[in-house]
Amino acid sequence: MGLLDGKVALITGAGGGLGEAYAKLFAREGAAVAVNDLGGPRDGSGADKTMAERVVAEIKAEGGRALANGADISTMDGGRSLFEDAINHFGRADILVNNAGILRDQSFAKSNEADWDKVIKVHLKGTFCATLPVFRWMRDNGGGVIVNTSSGSGLRGNFGQSNYGAAKAGIWGLSNVLAIEGRKYNIRVWTFAPSALTRMTAGHPEFASDLLSPDETAQAVLYMVSDLSDGQTGRVLHLSRWDGVREMRMMGMKGWKPPHTGLKAHDFLEHAREIFFPEENIE
């Protein structure tokens, strides 16, 4: 018995890297997999469905069940196409992993509108477009599990990734809302922030030894989408070679309650120890 026997999983950006590892592992664990990938280089230009088709062929060669979808999930039609392919071929949509992404890194002062819009569209809008039809189906059919891919760049920031970081922070916010709204429908939602060796990090070989492999990273996602995670939802799982495996949260200081007489600028200075975290505790 596999951990995902009888399940149907939809995975975006599954034509290579992390998504490919997820798709192959899920298939080995008994799931039927809808493999989505627009294809093309990591900056989001071009399209090549053969990437998804190759992964599907390899899954089928091992005796698994899979289909290839080459839709652009940053559009409503693309997200609907992936969902409808899964329903038409396999009849269900139990698991969704939003993994598709691109990179167009540059320092903020050198940013341009076209690159900003493209990165936000693929990551943040793409997560929305792929999730909406699946979330609605899960709501009406007993629930499911959604994993949305964020990043340390969105949770903590990273030089040269203002567009990417903004998109990934937005995905985190979206996940928080989906977890709240999905709870009563048995829809579990995770935010995943891995530091892993992928097509997008391949341009930095100097960091390769510090990054987890796609196969290792896939084990974390398998935990999240399977019964091993025992109904957990609304969590942010960070995976890193140097930081280890840990949940991340937005934390707040104990705070200071202003008097009814009114808040003044000097109050922030006077009560700084209650309001602000010590600088040495900020990562």
Protein backbone atom coordinates (compact mmCIF):
# COMPACT_ATOMS: atom_id res chain seq x y z
CA MET A 1 0.00 0.00 0.00
CA GLY A 2 1.33 3.41 -0.98
CA LEU A 3 0.82 6.54 1.06
CA LEU A 4 -1.25 8.07 -1.75
CA ASP A 5 -3.19 5.07 -3.07
CA GLY A 6 -6.37 6.17 -4.83
CA LYS A 7 -5.45 9.86 -4.79
CA VAL A 8 -5.18 12.21 -7.75
CA ALA A 9 -2.48 14.90 -7.58
CA LEU A 10 -2.09 18.00 -9.72
CA ILE A 11 1.41 19.49 -9.81
CA THR A 12 2.39 22.68 -11.61
CA GLY A 13 5.91 23.20 -12.88
CA ALA A 14 6.44 19.44 -12.86
CA GLY A 15 8.45 19.11 -16.07
CA GLY A 16 11.77 19.25 -14.23
CA GLY A 17 13.47 19.96 -10.91
CA LEU A 18 11.36 19.79 -7.78
CA GLY A 19 8.04 19.29 -9.55
CA GLU A 20 9.37 16.31 -11.47
CA ALA A 21 10.60 14.75 -8.23
CA TYR A 22 7.20 15.31 -6.61
CA ALA A 23 5.36 13.78 -9.56
CA LYS A 24 7.51 10.65 -9.68
CA LEU A 25 7.39 10.08 -5.93
CA PHE A 26 3.63 10.60 -5.76
CA ALA A 27 3.15 8.11 -8.60
CA ARG A 28 5.31 5.53 -6.82
CA GLU A 29 3.16 6.06 -3.72
CA GLY A 30 0.00 5.21 -5.69
CA ALA A 31 -1.33 8.56 -6.91
CA ALA A 32 -2.42 9.38 -10.44
CA VAL A 33 -0.59 12.57 -11.39
CA ALA A 34 -1.50 15.48 -13.65
CA VAL A 35 1.90 16.85 -14.69
CA ASN A 36 1.74 20.50 -15.71
CA ASP A 37 4.59 22.44 -17.26
CA LEU A 38 4.57 25.24 -19.80
CA GLY A 39 8.20 24.43 -20.61
CA GLY A 40 10.86 26.79 -21.86
CA PRO A 41 13.74 28.50 -20.01
CA ARG A 42 13.61 29.56 -16.38
CA ASP A 43 12.84 33.21 -17.21
CA GLY A 44 9.38 32.19 -18.41
CA SER A 45 9.91 32.77 -22.10
CA GLY A 46 8.82 30.15 -24.63
CA ALA A 47 6.81 26.97 -24.19
CA ASP A 48 7.58 23.28 -24.62
CA LYS A 49 5.07 20.62 -23.55
CA THR A 50 7.63 17.88 -24.19
CA MET A 51 9.06 18.52 -20.72
CA ALA A 52 5.80 17.40 -19.12
CA GLU A 53 5.40 14.58 -21.63
CA ARG A 54 8.84 13.20 -20.79
CA VAL A 55 8.01 13.03 -17.09
CA VAL A 56 4.71 11.32 -17.84
CA ALA A 57 6.44 8.75 -20.09
CA GLU A 58 8.90 7.91 -17.33
CA ILE A 59 6.11 7.54 -14.76
CA LYS A 60 4.18 5.23 -17.08
CA ALA A 61 7.31 3.20 -17.78
CA GLU A 62 7.42 2.44 -14.05
CA GLY A 63 3.77 1.35 -14.09
CA GLY A 64 2.30 4.61 -12.80
CA ARG A 65 -0.60 6.71 -14.05
CA ALA A 66 -0.04 10.23 -15.32
CA LEU A 67 -1.08 12.81 -17.91
CA ALA A 68 0.75 15.77 -19.41
CA ASN A 69 -0.68 19.28 -19.41
CA GLY A 70 1.15 22.18 -21.05
CA ALA A 71 -1.19 25.00 -20.09
CA ASP A 72 -0.05 28.40 -18.85
CA ILE A 73 -1.33 28.32 -15.28
CA SER A 74 -0.85 32.07 -14.89
CA THR A 75 -4.15 32.42 -16.77
CA MET A 76 -7.63 31.42 -15.69
CA ASP A 77 -8.02 29.25 -18.78
CA GLY A 78 -4.74 27.51 -17.99
CA GLY A 79 -5.67 26.74 -14.39
CA ARG A 80 -9.05 25.44 -15.52
CA SER A 81 -7.38 23.30 -18.21
CA LEU A 82 -5.21 21.52 -15.65
CA PHE A 83 -8.17 20.88 -13.35
CA GLU A 84 -10.41 19.63 -16.17
CA ASP A 85 -7.70 17.29 -17.48
CA ALA A 86 -7.38 15.73 -14.02
CA ILE A 87 -11.15 15.36 -13.61
CA ASN A 88 -11.73 14.04 -17.13
CA HIS A 89 -8.91 11.46 -16.94
CA PHE A 90 -8.91 10.47 -13.28
CA GLY A 91 -12.21 11.73 -11.83
CA ARG A 92 -10.79 13.49 -8.76
CA ALA A 93 -8.55 16.31 -7.50
CA ASP A 94 -7.29 15.33 -4.04
CA ILE A 95 -3.92 17.07 -3.99
CA LEU A 96 -2.61 20.27 -5.54
CA VAL A 97 1.03 21.35 -5.40
CA ASN A 98 1.62 24.85 -6.74
CA ASN A 99 5.25 24.68 -7.74
CA ALA A 100 5.55 26.55 -11.07
CA GLY A 101 7.86 29.53 -11.08
CA ILE A 102 10.34 31.67 -12.97
CA LEU A 103 13.24 33.96 -12.08
CA ARG A 104 14.08 37.41 -13.38
CA ASP A 105 16.50 38.61 -10.71
CA GLN A 106 17.91 42.11 -10.55
CA SER A 107 18.46 44.76 -7.90
CA PHE A 108 15.41 46.88 -7.23
CA ALA A 109 16.91 50.07 -8.70
CA LYS A 110 17.35 48.24 -12.00
CA SER A 111 13.83 46.74 -11.99
CA ASN A 112 11.42 47.18 -14.86
CA GLU A 113 7.67 46.80 -15.07
CA ALA A 114 7.67 43.93 -17.54
CA ASP A 115 9.83 41.66 -15.37
CA TRP A 116 7.90 42.63 -12.23
CA ASP A 117 4.54 41.84 -13.83
CA LYS A 118 5.74 38.55 -15.31
CA VAL A 119 7.16 37.18 -12.05
CA ILE A 120 4.09 38.23 -10.05
CA LYS A 121 1.83 36.71 -12.70
CA VAL A 122 3.51 33.32 -12.83
CA HIS A 123 4.02 32.86 -9.08
CA LEU A 124 1.16 34.66 -7.36
CA LYS A 125 -1.56 34.80 -9.99
CA GLY A 126 -0.56 31.32 -11.16
CA THR A 127 -1.18 29.99 -7.66
CA PHE A 128 -4.60 31.65 -7.68
CA CYS A 129 -5.54 30.38 -11.15
CA ALA A 130 -4.51 26.79 -10.46
CA THR A 131 -6.06 26.73 -7.01
CA LEU A 132 -9.50 28.23 -7.58
CA PRO A 133 -11.15 25.36 -9.51
CA VAL A 134 -9.45 22.76 -7.31
CA PHE A 135 -10.47 24.50 -4.08
CA ARG A 136 -14.07 24.65 -5.25
CA TRP A 137 -14.05 20.95 -6.14
CA MET A 138 -12.49 20.05 -2.77
CA ARG A 139 -15.10 22.16 -0.97
CA ASP A 140 -17.88 20.17 -2.61
CA ASN A 141 -16.24 16.73 -2.44
CA GLY A 142 -14.94 16.17 1.06
CA GLY A 143 -11.69 18.14 1.11
CA GLY A 144 -8.09 17.66 0.05
CA VAL A 145 -4.59 19.07 0.48
CA ILE A 146 -2.99 22.13 -1.15
CA VAL A 147 0.72 22.95 -0.94
CA ASN A 148 1.72 26.45 -2.03
CA THR A 149 5.38 27.15 -2.65
CA SER A 150 6.80 30.25 -1.00
CA SER A 151 10.47 31.02 -0.32
CA GLY A 152 12.86 32.48 2.20
CA SER A 153 13.03 35.41 -0.21
CA GLY A 154 9.38 36.13 0.53
CA LEU A 155 9.46 35.32 4.24
CA ARG A 156 12.73 37.08 5.10
CA GLY A 157 13.94 38.85 1.95
CA ASN A 158 16.92 38.35 -0.36
CA PHE A 159 19.05 40.78 -2.33
CA GLY A 160 18.10 41.14 -5.98
CA GLN A 161 14.74 39.40 -5.70
CA SER A 162 12.18 42.14 -5.08
CA ASN A 163 9.77 40.76 -7.69
CA TYR A 164 10.23 37.15 -6.62
CA GLY A 165 10.13 38.00 -2.90
CA ALA A 166 6.94 40.04 -3.30
CA ALA A 167 5.27 37.17 -5.16
CA LYS A 168 6.35 34.59 -2.61
CA ALA A 169 5.20 36.74 0.31
CA GLY A 170 1.84 37.09 -1.44
CA ILE A 171 1.59 33.32 -1.74
CA TRP A 172 2.15 33.03 2.00
CA GLY A 173 -0.70 35.49 2.65
CA LEU A 174 -2.97 33.62 0.24
CA SER A 175 -2.20 30.33 1.99
CA ASN A 176 -3.12 31.81 5.37
CA VAL A 177 -6.54 32.82 4.07
CA LEU A 178 -7.13 29.50 2.29
CA ALA A 179 -6.29 27.59 5.48
CA ILE A 180 -8.89 29.59 7.40
CA GLU A 181 -11.59 29.29 4.74
CA GLY A 182 -10.84 25.67 3.93
CA ARG A 183 -10.81 24.30 7.45
CA LYS A 184 -14.55 23.61 7.69
CA TYR A 185 -14.42 21.79 4.34
CA ASN A 186 -11.51 19.54 5.36
CA ILE A 187 -9.18 21.35 2.96
CA ARG A 188 -5.69 21.38 4.40
CA VAL A 189 -3.29 24.09 3.22
CA TRP A 190 0.47 24.23 3.63
CA THR A 191 3.02 26.90 2.76
CA PHE A 192 6.32 25.34 1.72
CA ALA A 193 9.61 27.26 1.67
CA PRO A 194 12.41 24.94 0.50
CA SER A 195 16.07 25.72 -0.16
CA ALA A 196 16.73 23.11 -2.82
CA LEU A 197 18.70 22.39 -5.96
CA THR A 198 16.37 23.22 -8.85
CA ARG A 199 16.48 24.63 -12.36
CA MET A 200 16.14 28.08 -10.81
CA THR A 201 19.12 27.63 -8.45
CA ALA A 202 21.28 25.80 -10.99
CA GLY A 203 22.88 29.10 -11.97
CA HIS A 204 24.60 29.27 -8.59
CA PRO A 205 26.80 26.13 -8.41
CA GLU A 206 28.77 27.62 -5.52
CA PHE A 207 25.74 26.97 -3.29
CA ALA A 208 25.00 23.46 -4.56
CA SER A 209 26.49 21.69 -1.54
CA ASP A 210 24.23 23.73 0.76
CA LEU A 211 21.02 22.85 -1.07
CA LEU A 212 18.81 19.81 -0.60
CA SER A 213 18.27 17.53 -3.57
CA PRO A 214 14.88 17.39 -5.33
CA ASP A 215 14.38 13.84 -4.09
CA GLU A 216 14.96 14.88 -0.47
CA THR A 217 12.65 17.85 -0.88
CA ALA A 218 9.96 15.60 -2.35
CA GLN A 219 9.89 13.57 0.86
CA ALA A 220 8.82 16.69 2.76
CA VAL A 221 5.99 17.31 0.31
CA LEU A 222 4.90 13.68 0.55
CA TYR A 223 4.66 14.13 4.31
CA MET A 224 2.50 17.24 3.90
CA VAL A 225 0.01 15.76 1.42
CA SER A 226 -0.31 12.32 3.03
CA ASP A 227 -1.96 11.13 6.23
CA LEU A 228 1.46 11.25 7.89
CA SER A 229 0.83 14.92 8.67
CA ASP A 230 -2.34 13.98 10.57
CA GLY A 231 -4.71 16.75 9.59
CA GLN A 232 -2.32 19.67 10.04
CA THR A 233 -3.13 22.88 8.18
CA GLY A 234 -2.08 26.52 8.08
CA ARG A 235 1.59 25.77 8.70
CA VAL A 236 4.72 27.09 7.00
CA LEU A 237 7.36 24.40 6.57
CA HIS A 238 10.89 25.60 5.87
CA LEU A 239 13.42 23.11 4.57
CA SER A 240 17.12 23.93 4.36
CA ARG A 241 20.47 22.21 4.64
CA TRP A 242 21.89 24.92 6.91
CA ASP A 243 18.75 25.89 8.89
CA GLY A 244 17.34 22.37 9.02
CA VAL A 245 13.64 21.49 8.94
CA ARG A 246 11.44 23.87 10.90
CA GLU A 247 8.08 25.55 11.04
CA MET A 248 8.17 29.32 10.54
CA ARG A 249 5.62 31.77 11.95
CA MET A 250 4.91 35.47 12.13
CA MET A 251 5.81 36.36 15.71
CA GLY A 252 4.76 39.37 17.77
CA MET A 253 6.30 41.05 20.81
CA LYS A 254 4.26 41.31 24.01
CA GLY A 255 3.56 44.92 23.08
CA TRP A 256 2.48 48.02 24.97
CA LYS A 257 -1.10 49.22 25.25
CA PRO A 258 -1.46 52.95 24.65
CA PRO A 259 -3.52 54.98 27.13
CA HIS A 260 -6.89 56.45 26.24
CA THR A 261 -5.35 59.89 26.47
CA GLY A 262 -3.77 59.31 23.05
CA LEU A 263 -0.67 57.88 21.40
CA LYS A 264 2.38 60.10 20.87
CA ALA A 265 5.57 59.58 18.87
CA HIS A 266 7.76 59.69 21.99
CA ASP A 267 5.80 56.75 23.44
CA PHE A 268 7.48 54.45 20.90
CA LEU A 269 10.89 55.45 22.25
CA GLU A 270 9.88 55.15 25.87
CA HIS A 271 8.33 51.68 25.41
CA ALA A 272 10.71 50.34 22.77
CA ARG A 273 11.63 47.28 24.87
CA GLU A 274 8.00 46.17 24.89
CA ILE A 275 7.25 47.02 21.25
CA PHE A 276 10.31 45.88 19.29
CA PHE A 277 12.26 42.64 19.20
CA PRO A 278 15.91 42.99 20.27
CA GLU A 279 18.01 43.49 17.15
CA GLU A 280 20.16 40.42 17.88
CA ASN A 281 17.07 38.19 17.73
CA ILE A 282 16.16 39.24 14.19
CA GLU A 283 17.40 36.80 11.56
